[in-house]
Amino acid sequence: MANKTEQSVEQLDCLIIGGGPAGLTAAIYLARYHRQVAVVDDGNSRALWIPISHNHAGFPDGIGGAELLGRMRTQAERYGARLLNGRIDAIEAVRDCFLARGEGLALEARTLLLATGTENRQPDIDPATHQVALDRGLLRYCPVCDGFEATGRAIGVIGGDARGVAEAMFLRTYSDDITLLAAGKIEIDADDRALLGGAGVRIEELALEGLDFGENRVTARLQDGTTLGFDTMYSALGSDSKDALAQALGLRMGDGCCIAVDQKQRTSHEGIYAAGDIVYALDQISVAMGHAAIAATTLHNDLRARDGQTRAT
């Protein structure tokens, strides 16, 4: 990504906010449609957390999140997309365009594509330890992504509520050695307890006090000082949508926190589209890319219709 910021640019066909897999895919498509497009990204894509992904098609030996985004940035720039470091703090709809502003940024665009994503809620771990644990596969967030790599291992799941129950049961596909833990009180009903019991998932009633990460092992420290050992730990604490801009724009939201879109990724506001984890769907790189391909093509065709080059759809 370019290591510079710009005070202003000519009017863009599209401003993409968020430079993760969705935003960069959309930039590649739009640049190849000969659209003037810029991506503003603050460098906090959740994909950067991925040490190596083995379920992203086309990479049989796996690929790390940082490497994948680096390749995508190179590809987007090759076709003329502008990649800007920074964040957009305010957007104003003016006549038939949008004015977007952030520190050192002032951009005008005919359309917007929001690909701001979500942010995982983390266990209480310092950032350096958190990164090392991720890199070693000792701490994980996505059983859809990497449950296969935990096959047959001793797995801990942090999440003493229905979300934790669902994740523990999903992981039961891969291992019969699973324990559910919680930072506070376990708050699951009798039916969920029966479900876990029937699947052989253990429930640790004592509160989790902390985690220690060794070279190849995770130690969970409990409230009474006892410890439990695991090969890997999944955090099932949930995530928060990065929806501040969507809320400020008054977009209709779906499922409480995600942007509601139609089948072509249009939001409730004309000229604004959304793709990736900020839209309610399976949080996967391949899904985000699919959203982006649809959104970019729809956006391009909507602009063609606006300019009298085709009929509106």
C-alpha atoms as a PDB file:
ATOM      1  CA  MET A   1       0.000   0.000   0.000  1.00  0.00           C
ATOM      2  CA  ALA A   2       1.201   3.489  -0.771  1.00  0.00           C
ATOM      3  CA  ASN A   3       2.968   5.107   2.183  1.00  0.00           C
ATOM      4  CA  LYS A   4       1.425   8.521   1.674  1.00  0.00           C
ATOM      5  CA  THR A   5      -1.748  10.406   2.326  1.00  0.00           C
ATOM      6  CA  GLU A   6      -3.408  12.933   0.053  1.00  0.00           C
ATOM      7  CA  GLN A   7      -5.313  16.080   0.851  1.00  0.00           C
ATOM      8  CA  SER A   8      -7.634  15.727  -2.119  1.00  0.00           C
ATOM      9  CA  VAL A   9      -8.175  13.880  -5.393  1.00  0.00           C
ATOM     10  CA  GLU A  10     -10.310  14.394  -8.428  1.00  0.00           C
ATOM     11  CA  GLN A  11     -13.825  13.054  -8.137  1.00  0.00           C
ATOM     12  CA  LEU A  12     -13.706   9.280  -7.863  1.00  0.00           C
ATOM     13  CA  ASP A  13     -16.190   6.878  -9.329  1.00  0.00           C
ATOM     14  CA  CYS A  14     -15.964   4.924  -6.074  1.00  0.00           C
ATOM     15  CA  LEU A  15     -14.371   5.302  -2.670  1.00  0.00           C
ATOM     16  CA  ILE A  16     -13.810   1.975  -0.936  1.00  0.00           C
ATOM     17  CA  ILE A  17     -13.430   2.113   2.840  1.00  0.00           C
ATOM     18  CA  GLY A  18     -11.554  -0.909   4.131  1.00  0.00           C
ATOM     19  CA  GLY A  19      -8.586  -2.676   2.532  1.00  0.00           C
ATOM     20  CA  GLY A  20      -9.227  -6.279   3.516  1.00  0.00           C
ATOM     21  CA  PRO A  21     -10.103  -9.071   1.072  1.00  0.00           C
ATOM     22  CA  ALA A  22     -13.478  -7.511   0.215  1.00  0.00           C
ATOM     23  CA  GLY A  23     -12.222  -3.977  -0.326  1.00  0.00           C
ATOM     24  CA  LEU A  24      -9.216  -5.029  -2.379  1.00  0.00           C
ATOM     25  CA  THR A  25     -11.226  -7.435  -4.538  1.00  0.00           C
ATOM     26  CA  ALA A  26     -13.688  -4.642  -5.304  1.00  0.00           C
ATOM     27  CA  ALA A  27     -10.789  -2.327  -6.145  1.00  0.00           C
ATOM     28  CA  ILE A  28      -9.340  -4.854  -8.594  1.00  0.00           C
ATOM     29  CA  TYR A  29     -12.693  -5.295 -10.345  1.00  0.00           C
ATOM     30  CA  LEU A  30     -13.473  -1.585 -10.500  1.00  0.00           C
ATOM     31  CA  ALA A  31      -9.996  -0.640 -11.727  1.00  0.00           C
ATOM     32  CA  ARG A  32     -10.340  -3.237 -14.468  1.00  0.00           C
ATOM     33  CA  TYR A  33     -13.692  -1.625 -15.355  1.00  0.00           C
ATOM     34  CA  HIS A  34     -11.616   1.557 -15.919  1.00  0.00           C
ATOM     35  CA  ARG A  35     -13.222   3.247 -12.926  1.00  0.00           C
ATOM     36  CA  GLN A  36     -11.432   5.869 -10.863  1.00  0.00           C
ATOM     37  CA  VAL A  37     -11.269   4.125  -7.503  1.00  0.00           C
ATOM     38  CA  ALA A  38      -9.450   4.659  -4.215  1.00  0.00           C
ATOM     39  CA  VAL A  39      -9.190   2.467  -1.142  1.00  0.00           C
ATOM     40  CA  VAL A  40      -8.709   3.996   2.297  1.00  0.00           C
ATOM     41  CA  ASP A  41      -7.469   1.502   4.875  1.00  0.00           C
ATOM     42  CA  ASP A  42      -6.282   1.869   8.464  1.00  0.00           C
ATOM     43  CA  GLY A  43      -4.163  -1.285   8.431  1.00  0.00           C
ATOM     44  CA  ASN A  44      -6.339  -3.267  10.849  1.00  0.00           C
ATOM     45  CA  SER A  45      -7.892  -5.896   8.593  1.00  0.00           C
ATOM     46  CA  ARG A  46      -8.762  -9.024  10.526  1.00  0.00           C
ATOM     47  CA  ALA A  47      -7.088 -10.999   7.715  1.00  0.00           C
ATOM     48  CA  LEU A  48      -3.721  -9.772   9.009  1.00  0.00           C
ATOM     49  CA  TRP A  49      -4.232 -12.015  12.039  1.00  0.00           C
ATOM     50  CA  ILE A  50      -4.167 -15.162   9.911  1.00  0.00           C
ATOM     51  CA  PRO A  51      -0.737 -16.844  10.246  1.00  0.00           C
ATOM     52  CA  ILE A  52      -1.590 -19.248   7.424  1.00  0.00           C
ATOM     53  CA  SER A  53      -4.877 -20.237   5.828  1.00  0.00           C
ATOM     54  CA  HIS A  54      -5.307 -23.722   4.398  1.00  0.00           C
ATOM     55  CA  ASN A  55      -8.915 -23.419   3.242  1.00  0.00           C
ATOM     56  CA  HIS A  56      -8.518 -20.535   0.795  1.00  0.00           C
ATOM     57  CA  ALA A  57      -8.874 -22.150  -2.621  1.00  0.00           C
ATOM     58  CA  GLY A  58      -5.864 -22.101  -4.929  1.00  0.00           C
ATOM     59  CA  PHE A  59      -3.196 -22.324  -2.219  1.00  0.00           C
ATOM     60  CA  PRO A  60      -2.774 -26.037  -1.417  1.00  0.00           C
ATOM     61  CA  ASP A  61       0.183 -25.287   0.864  1.00  0.00           C
ATOM     62  CA  GLY A  62      -1.663 -22.414   2.545  1.00  0.00           C
ATOM     63  CA  ILE A  63      -1.091 -18.672   2.520  1.00  0.00           C
ATOM     64  CA  GLY A  64      -0.731 -16.131   5.302  1.00  0.00           C
ATOM     65  CA  GLY A  65      -3.148 -13.256   5.609  1.00  0.00           C
ATOM     66  CA  ALA A  66      -0.462 -10.566   5.259  1.00  0.00           C
ATOM     67  CA  GLU A  67       0.946 -12.202   2.133  1.00  0.00           C
ATOM     68  CA  LEU A  68      -2.499 -12.560   0.580  1.00  0.00           C
ATOM     69  CA  LEU A  69      -3.339  -8.891   1.197  1.00  0.00           C
ATOM     70  CA  GLY A  70       0.069  -7.867  -0.148  1.00  0.00           C
ATOM     71  CA  ARG A  71      -0.573  -9.726  -3.381  1.00  0.00           C
ATOM     72  CA  MET A  72      -4.016  -8.195  -3.672  1.00  0.00           C
ATOM     73  CA  ARG A  73      -2.671  -4.677  -3.110  1.00  0.00           C
ATOM     74  CA  THR A  74      -0.081  -5.196  -5.842  1.00  0.00           C
ATOM     75  CA  GLN A  75      -2.783  -6.439  -8.189  1.00  0.00           C
ATOM     76  CA  ALA A  76      -5.125  -3.529  -7.449  1.00  0.00           C
ATOM     77  CA  GLU A  77      -2.387  -0.938  -7.970  1.00  0.00           C
ATOM     78  CA  ARG A  78      -1.291  -2.601 -11.193  1.00  0.00           C
ATOM     79  CA  TYR A  79      -4.662  -1.743 -12.719  1.00  0.00           C
ATOM     80  CA  GLY A  80      -4.733   1.802 -11.396  1.00  0.00           C
ATOM     81  CA  ALA A  81      -6.486   1.670  -8.021  1.00  0.00           C
ATOM     82  CA  ARG A  82      -5.217   4.237  -5.512  1.00  0.00           C
ATOM     83  CA  LEU A  83      -4.416   2.830  -2.060  1.00  0.00           C
ATOM     84  CA  LEU A  84      -4.301   5.309   0.792  1.00  0.00           C
ATOM     85  CA  ASN A  85      -3.288   4.764   4.417  1.00  0.00           C
ATOM     86  CA  GLY A  86      -5.648   6.327   6.930  1.00  0.00           C
ATOM     87  CA  ARG A  87      -9.219   6.288   8.115  1.00  0.00           C
ATOM     88  CA  ILE A  88     -12.385   8.066   7.110  1.00  0.00           C
ATOM     89  CA  ASP A  89     -14.077   9.717  10.068  1.00  0.00           C
ATOM     90  CA  ALA A  90     -16.999  11.501   8.412  1.00  0.00           C
ATOM     91  CA  ILE A  91     -19.010  11.214   5.213  1.00  0.00           C
ATOM     92  CA  GLU A  92     -21.493  13.733   3.878  1.00  0.00           C
ATOM     93  CA  ALA A  93     -23.941  13.086   1.049  1.00  0.00           C
ATOM     94  CA  VAL A  94     -23.975  16.169  -1.187  1.00  0.00           C
ATOM     95  CA  ARG A  95     -26.150  16.276  -4.299  1.00  0.00           C
ATOM     96  CA  ASP A  96     -25.077  13.282  -6.392  1.00  0.00           C
ATOM     97  CA  CYS A  97     -21.813  12.490  -4.607  1.00  0.00           C
ATOM     98  CA  PHE A  98     -20.237  11.825  -1.226  1.00  0.00           C
ATOM     99  CA  LEU A  99     -17.627  13.895   0.577  1.00  0.00           C
ATOM    100  CA  ALA A 100     -15.397  11.822   2.841  1.00  0.00           C
ATOM    101  CA  ARG A 101     -12.939  13.265   5.326  1.00  0.00           C
ATOM    102  CA  GLY A 102     -10.308  11.971   7.695  1.00  0.00           C
ATOM    103  CA  GLU A 103      -6.966  13.137   9.041  1.00  0.00           C
ATOM    104  CA  GLY A 104      -5.075  14.338   5.950  1.00  0.00           C
ATOM    105  CA  LEU A 105      -7.803  13.090   3.643  1.00  0.00           C
ATOM    106  CA  ALA A 106     -10.563  14.834   1.725  1.00  0.00           C
ATOM    107  CA  LEU A 107     -12.131  12.717  -1.007  1.00  0.00           C
ATOM    108  CA  GLU A 108     -15.128  13.101  -3.276  1.00  0.00           C
ATOM    109  CA  ALA A 109     -16.778  10.077  -4.854  1.00  0.00           C
ATOM    110  CA  ARG A 110     -19.885   9.283  -6.858  1.00  0.00           C
ATOM    111  CA  THR A 111     -20.369   6.046  -4.900  1.00  0.00           C
ATOM    112  CA  LEU A 112     -19.177   4.372  -1.712  1.00  0.00           C
ATOM    113  CA  LEU A 113     -18.366   0.769  -0.965  1.00  0.00           C
ATOM    114  CA  LEU A 114     -18.145  -0.039   2.745  1.00  0.00           C
ATOM    115  CA  ALA A 115     -15.883  -2.983   3.527  1.00  0.00           C
ATOM    116  CA  THR A 116     -15.013  -2.050   7.101  1.00  0.00           C
ATOM    117  CA  GLY A 117     -15.347  -5.576   8.483  1.00  0.00           C
ATOM    118  CA  THR A 118     -15.598  -6.691  12.081  1.00  0.00           C
ATOM    119  CA  GLU A 119     -13.267  -6.992  15.053  1.00  0.00           C
ATOM    120  CA  ASN A 120     -12.889 -10.083  17.222  1.00  0.00           C
ATOM    121  CA  ARG A 121     -13.354  -9.711  20.967  1.00  0.00           C
ATOM    122  CA  GLN A 122     -10.094 -10.868  22.450  1.00  0.00           C
ATOM    123  CA  PRO A 123      -9.297 -12.685  25.672  1.00  0.00           C
ATOM    124  CA  ASP A 124      -7.416 -10.597  28.219  1.00  0.00           C
ATOM    125  CA  ILE A 125      -3.939 -11.079  26.724  1.00  0.00           C
ATOM    126  CA  ASP A 126      -1.282  -8.468  25.996  1.00  0.00           C
ATOM    127  CA  PRO A 127      -0.828  -7.727  22.261  1.00  0.00           C
ATOM    128  CA  ALA A 128       2.638  -9.258  21.896  1.00  0.00           C
ATOM    129  CA  THR A 129       1.614 -12.519  23.576  1.00  0.00           C
ATOM    130  CA  HIS A 130      -1.607 -12.541  21.547  1.00  0.00           C
ATOM    131  CA  GLN A 131       0.320 -12.353  18.268  1.00  0.00           C
ATOM    132  CA  VAL A 132       2.783 -15.076  19.247  1.00  0.00           C
ATOM    133  CA  ALA A 133      -0.083 -17.346  20.311  1.00  0.00           C
ATOM    134  CA  LEU A 134      -1.816 -16.786  16.969  1.00  0.00           C
ATOM    135  CA  ASP A 135       1.356 -17.458  15.009  1.00  0.00           C
ATOM    136  CA  ARG A 136       1.897 -20.750  16.842  1.00  0.00           C
ATOM    137  CA  GLY A 137      -1.680 -21.899  16.408  1.00  0.00           C
ATOM    138  CA  LEU A 138      -2.182 -21.903  20.172  1.00  0.00           C
ATOM    139  CA  LEU A 139      -4.954 -19.302  19.997  1.00  0.00           C
ATOM    140  CA  ARG A 140      -7.584 -19.449  17.262  1.00  0.00           C
ATOM    141  CA  TYR A 141     -10.773 -17.606  16.350  1.00  0.00           C
ATOM    142  CA  CYS A 142     -12.286 -19.403  13.360  1.00  0.00           C
ATOM    143  CA  PRO A 143     -13.089 -23.128  13.516  1.00  0.00           C
ATOM    144  CA  VAL A 144     -14.477 -22.941   9.974  1.00  0.00           C
ATOM    145  CA  CYS A 145     -11.032 -21.760   8.842  1.00  0.00           C
ATOM    146  CA  ASP A 146      -8.744 -23.996  10.853  1.00  0.00           C
ATOM    147  CA  GLY A 147     -10.716 -26.612  12.764  1.00  0.00           C
ATOM    148  CA  PHE A 148      -9.108 -29.223  10.530  1.00  0.00           C
ATOM    149  CA  GLU A 149      -5.690 -28.299  11.931  1.00  0.00           C
ATOM    150  CA  ALA A 150      -7.000 -29.050  15.438  1.00  0.00           C
ATOM    151  CA  THR A 151      -8.100 -32.567  14.529  1.00  0.00           C
ATOM    152  CA  GLY A 152      -7.626 -34.969  17.422  1.00  0.00           C
ATOM    153  CA  ARG A 153      -6.153 -32.292  19.693  1.00  0.00           C
ATOM    154  CA  ALA A 154      -7.137 -31.198  23.199  1.00  0.00           C
ATOM    155  CA  ILE A 155      -9.191 -28.047  22.582  1.00  0.00           C
ATOM    156  CA  GLY A 156     -10.340 -25.380  24.996  1.00  0.00           C
ATOM    157  CA  VAL A 157     -13.202 -23.055  24.059  1.00  0.00           C
ATOM    158  CA  ILE A 158     -13.591 -19.718  25.849  1.00  0.00           C
ATOM    159  CA  GLY A 159     -17.240 -18.727  25.951  1.00  0.00           C
ATOM    160  CA  GLY A 160     -19.625 -19.555  28.761  1.00  0.00           C
ATOM    161  CA  ASP A 161     -22.824 -18.812  26.842  1.00  0.00           C
ATOM    162  CA  ALA A 162     -24.810 -20.042  23.832  1.00  0.00           C
ATOM    163  CA  ARG A 163     -22.091 -18.783  21.471  1.00  0.00           C
ATOM    164  CA  GLY A 164     -19.498 -20.910  23.245  1.00  0.00           C
ATOM    165  CA  VAL A 165     -21.815 -23.909  23.174  1.00  0.00           C
ATOM    166  CA  ALA A 166     -22.283 -23.571  19.414  1.00  0.00           C
ATOM    167  CA  GLU A 167     -18.528 -23.328  18.824  1.00  0.00           C
ATOM    168  CA  ALA A 168     -17.733 -26.281  21.079  1.00  0.00           C
ATOM    169  CA  MET A 169     -20.310 -28.397  19.267  1.00  0.00           C
ATOM    170  CA  PHE A 170     -18.947 -27.335  15.881  1.00  0.00           C
ATOM    171  CA  LEU A 171     -15.442 -28.326  16.969  1.00  0.00           C
ATOM    172  CA  ARG A 172     -16.745 -31.706  18.085  1.00  0.00           C
ATOM    173  CA  THR A 173     -16.454 -32.644  14.398  1.00  0.00           C
ATOM    174  CA  TYR A 174     -12.679 -32.531  14.807  1.00  0.00           C
ATOM    175  CA  SER A 175     -11.973 -33.768  18.317  1.00  0.00           C
ATOM    176  CA  ASP A 176     -13.541 -35.671  21.201  1.00  0.00           C
ATOM    177  CA  ASP A 177     -11.385 -33.772  23.728  1.00  0.00           C
ATOM    178  CA  ILE A 178     -13.104 -30.406  24.174  1.00  0.00           C
ATOM    179  CA  THR A 179     -13.600 -28.288  27.286  1.00  0.00           C
ATOM    180  CA  LEU A 180     -15.805 -25.206  27.591  1.00  0.00           C
ATOM    181  CA  LEU A 181     -14.456 -22.429  29.832  1.00  0.00           C
ATOM    182  CA  ALA A 182     -15.569 -18.936  30.759  1.00  0.00           C
ATOM    183  CA  ALA A 183     -13.921 -15.836  32.193  1.00  0.00           C
ATOM    184  CA  GLY A 184     -16.898 -15.489  34.522  1.00  0.00           C
ATOM    185  CA  LYS A 185     -19.884 -17.630  35.329  1.00  0.00           C
ATOM    186  CA  ILE A 186     -21.016 -20.348  32.932  1.00  0.00           C
ATOM    187  CA  GLU A 187     -24.430 -19.169  31.739  1.00  0.00           C
ATOM    188  CA  ILE A 188     -25.987 -21.936  29.682  1.00  0.00           C
ATOM    189  CA  ASP A 189     -29.373 -23.544  30.097  1.00  0.00           C
ATOM    190  CA  ALA A 190     -30.250 -27.147  30.869  1.00  0.00           C
ATOM    191  CA  ASP A 191     -30.839 -28.048  27.227  1.00  0.00           C
ATOM    192  CA  ASP A 192     -27.380 -26.816  26.204  1.00  0.00           C
ATOM    193  CA  ARG A 193     -25.816 -28.660  29.129  1.00  0.00           C
ATOM    194  CA  ALA A 194     -27.518 -31.832  27.972  1.00  0.00           C
ATOM    195  CA  LEU A 195     -26.342 -31.221  24.409  1.00  0.00           C
ATOM    196  CA  LEU A 196     -22.747 -30.783  25.511  1.00  0.00           C
ATOM    197  CA  GLY A 197     -22.931 -33.734  27.864  1.00  0.00           C
ATOM    198  CA  GLY A 198     -24.288 -35.969  25.140  1.00  0.00           C
ATOM    199  CA  ALA A 199     -21.397 -34.974  22.877  1.00  0.00           C
ATOM    200  CA  GLY A 200     -18.805 -35.551  25.581  1.00  0.00           C
ATOM    201  CA  VAL A 201     -17.846 -31.880  25.894  1.00  0.00           C
ATOM    202  CA  ARG A 202     -16.633 -31.025  29.384  1.00  0.00           C
ATOM    203  CA  ILE A 203     -17.872 -27.890  31.150  1.00  0.00           C
ATOM    204  CA  GLU A 204     -15.437 -26.189  33.521  1.00  0.00           C
ATOM    205  CA  GLU A 205     -17.517 -24.424  36.156  1.00  0.00           C
ATOM    206  CA  LEU A 206     -14.604 -22.549  37.740  1.00  0.00           C
ATOM    207  CA  ALA A 207     -13.843 -19.163  36.172  1.00  0.00           C
ATOM    208  CA  LEU A 208     -10.862 -18.788  33.890  1.00  0.00           C
ATOM    209  CA  GLU A 209      -8.264 -16.509  35.487  1.00  0.00           C
ATOM    210  CA  GLY A 210      -5.662 -16.418  32.729  1.00  0.00           C
ATOM    211  CA  LEU A 211      -3.833 -18.166  29.915  1.00  0.00           C
ATOM    212  CA  ASP A 212      -0.151 -19.057  29.609  1.00  0.00           C
ATOM    213  CA  PHE A 213       1.266 -19.974  26.216  1.00  0.00           C
ATOM    214  CA  GLY A 214       4.247 -22.277  26.007  1.00  0.00           C
ATOM    215  CA  GLU A 215       6.033 -23.479  22.912  1.00  0.00           C
ATOM    216  CA  ASN A 216       3.380 -26.031  21.979  1.00  0.00           C
ATOM    217  CA  ARG A 217       0.861 -25.958  24.814  1.00  0.00           C
ATOM    218  CA  VAL A 218      -1.711 -23.654  26.394  1.00  0.00           C
ATOM    219  CA  THR A 219      -2.189 -23.630  30.159  1.00  0.00           C
ATOM    220  CA  ALA A 220      -5.493 -22.333  31.500  1.00  0.00           C
ATOM    221  CA  ARG A 221      -5.324 -21.016  35.073  1.00  0.00           C
ATOM    222  CA  LEU A 222      -8.584 -21.335  36.976  1.00  0.00           C
ATOM    223  CA  GLN A 223     -10.095 -19.368  39.835  1.00  0.00           C
ATOM    224  CA  ASP A 224      -8.897 -21.761  42.519  1.00  0.00           C
ATOM    225  CA  GLY A 225      -5.336 -21.922  41.202  1.00  0.00           C
ATOM    226  CA  THR A 226      -5.648 -25.248  39.408  1.00  0.00           C
ATOM    227  CA  THR A 227      -4.503 -25.534  35.796  1.00  0.00           C
ATOM    228  CA  LEU A 228      -5.674 -27.322  32.680  1.00  0.00           C
ATOM    229  CA  GLY A 229      -3.548 -28.035  29.612  1.00  0.00           C
ATOM    230  CA  PHE A 230      -4.649 -27.776  25.970  1.00  0.00           C
ATOM    231  CA  ASP A 231      -3.107 -28.073  22.535  1.00  0.00           C
ATOM    232  CA  THR A 232      -5.043 -25.068  21.295  1.00  0.00           C
ATOM    233  CA  MET A 233      -7.579 -22.550  22.573  1.00  0.00           C
ATOM    234  CA  TYR A 234     -10.523 -21.103  20.632  1.00  0.00           C
ATOM    235  CA  SER A 235     -11.995 -17.766  21.632  1.00  0.00           C
ATOM    236  CA  ALA A 236     -15.778 -17.755  21.188  1.00  0.00           C
ATOM    237  CA  LEU A 237     -16.327 -14.308  22.672  1.00  0.00           C
ATOM    238  CA  GLY A 238     -17.936 -12.944  19.508  1.00  0.00           C
ATOM    239  CA  SER A 239     -17.086  -9.928  17.398  1.00  0.00           C
ATOM    240  CA  ASP A 240     -18.135  -6.320  16.902  1.00  0.00           C
ATOM    241  CA  SER A 241     -18.972  -4.792  13.541  1.00  0.00           C
ATOM    242  CA  LYS A 242     -17.027  -1.704  12.517  1.00  0.00           C
ATOM    243  CA  ASP A 243     -20.276   0.059  11.748  1.00  0.00           C
ATOM    244  CA  ALA A 244     -19.707   3.656  12.903  1.00  0.00           C
ATOM    245  CA  LEU A 245     -19.835   5.064   9.364  1.00  0.00           C
ATOM    246  CA  ALA A 246     -22.851   2.949   8.447  1.00  0.00           C
ATOM    247  CA  GLN A 247     -24.700   4.173  11.522  1.00  0.00           C
ATOM    248  CA  ALA A 248     -23.758   7.799  10.835  1.00  0.00           C
ATOM    249  CA  LEU A 249     -25.052   7.456   7.276  1.00  0.00           C
ATOM    250  CA  GLY A 250     -28.338   6.074   8.580  1.00  0.00           C
ATOM    251  CA  LEU A 251     -28.052   2.801   6.684  1.00  0.00           C
ATOM    252  CA  ARG A 252     -30.552   0.080   7.454  1.00  0.00           C
ATOM    253  CA  MET A 253     -28.896  -2.591   9.573  1.00  0.00           C
ATOM    254  CA  GLY A 254     -29.618  -6.288   9.653  1.00  0.00           C
ATOM    255  CA  ASP A 255     -29.157  -8.832  12.446  1.00  0.00           C
ATOM    256  CA  GLY A 256     -28.636  -5.968  14.867  1.00  0.00           C
ATOM    257  CA  CYS A 257     -25.150  -4.925  13.774  1.00  0.00           C
ATOM    258  CA  CYS A 258     -24.446  -5.769  10.131  1.00  0.00           C
ATOM    259  CA  ILE A 259     -25.356  -3.668   7.096  1.00  0.00           C
ATOM    260  CA  ALA A 260     -28.472  -4.879   5.329  1.00  0.00           C
ATOM    261  CA  VAL A 261     -28.008  -5.290   1.572  1.00  0.00           C
ATOM    262  CA  ASP A 262     -30.027  -6.604  -1.342  1.00  0.00           C
ATOM    263  CA  GLN A 263     -28.906  -9.506  -3.536  1.00  0.00           C
ATOM    264  CA  LYS A 264     -26.586  -7.173  -5.429  1.00  0.00           C
ATOM    265  CA  GLN A 265     -24.918  -5.695  -2.318  1.00  0.00           C
ATOM    266  CA  ARG A 266     -26.797  -2.382  -2.476  1.00  0.00           C
ATOM    267  CA  THR A 267     -27.533  -0.787   0.892  1.00  0.00           C
ATOM    268  CA  SER A 268     -30.626   1.220   1.820  1.00  0.00           C
ATOM    269  CA  HIS A 269     -28.933   4.436   0.616  1.00  0.00           C
ATOM    270  CA  GLU A 270     -28.612   4.939  -3.137  1.00  0.00           C
ATOM    271  CA  GLY A 271     -25.003   4.927  -4.213  1.00  0.00           C
ATOM    272  CA  ILE A 272     -23.710   3.033  -1.182  1.00  0.00           C
ATOM    273  CA  TYR A 273     -22.759  -0.648  -1.334  1.00  0.00           C
ATOM    274  CA  ALA A 274     -21.334  -3.025   1.258  1.00  0.00           C
ATOM    275  CA  ALA A 275     -19.273  -6.218   1.148  1.00  0.00           C
ATOM    276  CA  GLY A 276     -17.409  -8.577   3.436  1.00  0.00           C
ATOM    277  CA  ASP A 277     -17.807  -9.264   7.144  1.00  0.00           C
ATOM    278  CA  ILE A 278     -19.726  -6.005   7.708  1.00  0.00           C
ATOM    279  CA  VAL A 279     -22.573  -7.762   5.840  1.00  0.00           C
ATOM    280  CA  TYR A 280     -24.348 -10.622   7.590  1.00  0.00           C
ATOM    281  CA  ALA A 281     -22.964 -13.837   6.096  1.00  0.00           C
ATOM    282  CA  LEU A 282     -20.371 -16.526   6.744  1.00  0.00           C
ATOM    283  CA  ASP A 283     -17.204 -14.670   7.760  1.00  0.00           C
ATOM    284  CA  GLN A 284     -14.797 -16.142   5.238  1.00  0.00           C
ATOM    285  CA  ILE A 285     -12.315 -14.635   2.796  1.00  0.00           C
ATOM    286  CA  SER A 286     -13.961 -16.398  -0.133  1.00  0.00           C
ATOM    287  CA  VAL A 287     -17.389 -15.038   0.839  1.00  0.00           C
ATOM    288  CA  ALA A 288     -15.990 -11.507   1.191  1.00  0.00           C
ATOM    289  CA  MET A 289     -14.440 -11.758  -2.256  1.00  0.00           C
ATOM    290  CA  GLY A 290     -17.735 -12.978  -3.712  1.00  0.00           C
ATOM    291  CA  HIS A 291     -19.594 -10.074  -2.121  1.00  0.00           C
ATOM    292  CA  ALA A 292     -17.016  -7.679  -3.574  1.00  0.00           C
ATOM    293  CA  ALA A 293     -17.252  -9.067  -7.092  1.00  0.00           C
ATOM    294  CA  ILE A 294     -21.040  -8.656  -7.009  1.00  0.00           C
ATOM    295  CA  ALA A 295     -20.870  -5.200  -5.424  1.00  0.00           C
ATOM    296  CA  ALA A 296     -18.265  -3.886  -7.856  1.00  0.00           C
ATOM    297  CA  THR A 297     -20.111  -5.155 -10.902  1.00  0.00           C
ATOM    298  CA  THR A 298     -23.439  -3.818  -9.644  1.00  0.00           C
ATOM    299  CA  LEU A 299     -21.859  -0.467  -8.840  1.00  0.00           C
ATOM    300  CA  HIS A 300     -20.277  -0.250 -12.296  1.00  0.00           C
ATOM    301  CA  ASN A 301     -23.562  -1.068 -14.008  1.00  0.00           C
ATOM    302  CA  ASP A 302     -25.497   1.366 -11.807  1.00  0.00           C
ATOM    303  CA  LEU A 303     -23.104   4.137 -12.841  1.00  0.00           C
ATOM    304  CA  ARG A 304     -23.524   3.141 -16.474  1.00  0.00           C
ATOM    305  CA  ALA A 305     -27.288   3.443 -16.029  1.00  0.00           C
ATOM    306  CA  ARG A 306     -26.896   6.810 -14.295  1.00  0.00           C
ATOM    307  CA  ASP A 307     -24.805   8.024 -17.233  1.00  0.00           C
ATOM    308  CA  GLY A 308     -27.383   6.851 -19.783  1.00  0.00           C
ATOM    309  CA  GLN A 309     -25.287   3.954 -21.073  1.00  0.00           C
ATOM    310  CA  THR A 310     -27.751   1.219 -20.163  1.00  0.00           C
ATOM    311  CA  ARG A 311     -31.109   0.678 -18.527  1.00  0.00           C
ATOM    312  CA  ALA A 312     -31.322   0.691 -14.745  1.00  0.00           C
ATOM    313  CA  THR A 313     -31.733  -2.719 -13.117  1.00  0.00           C
END
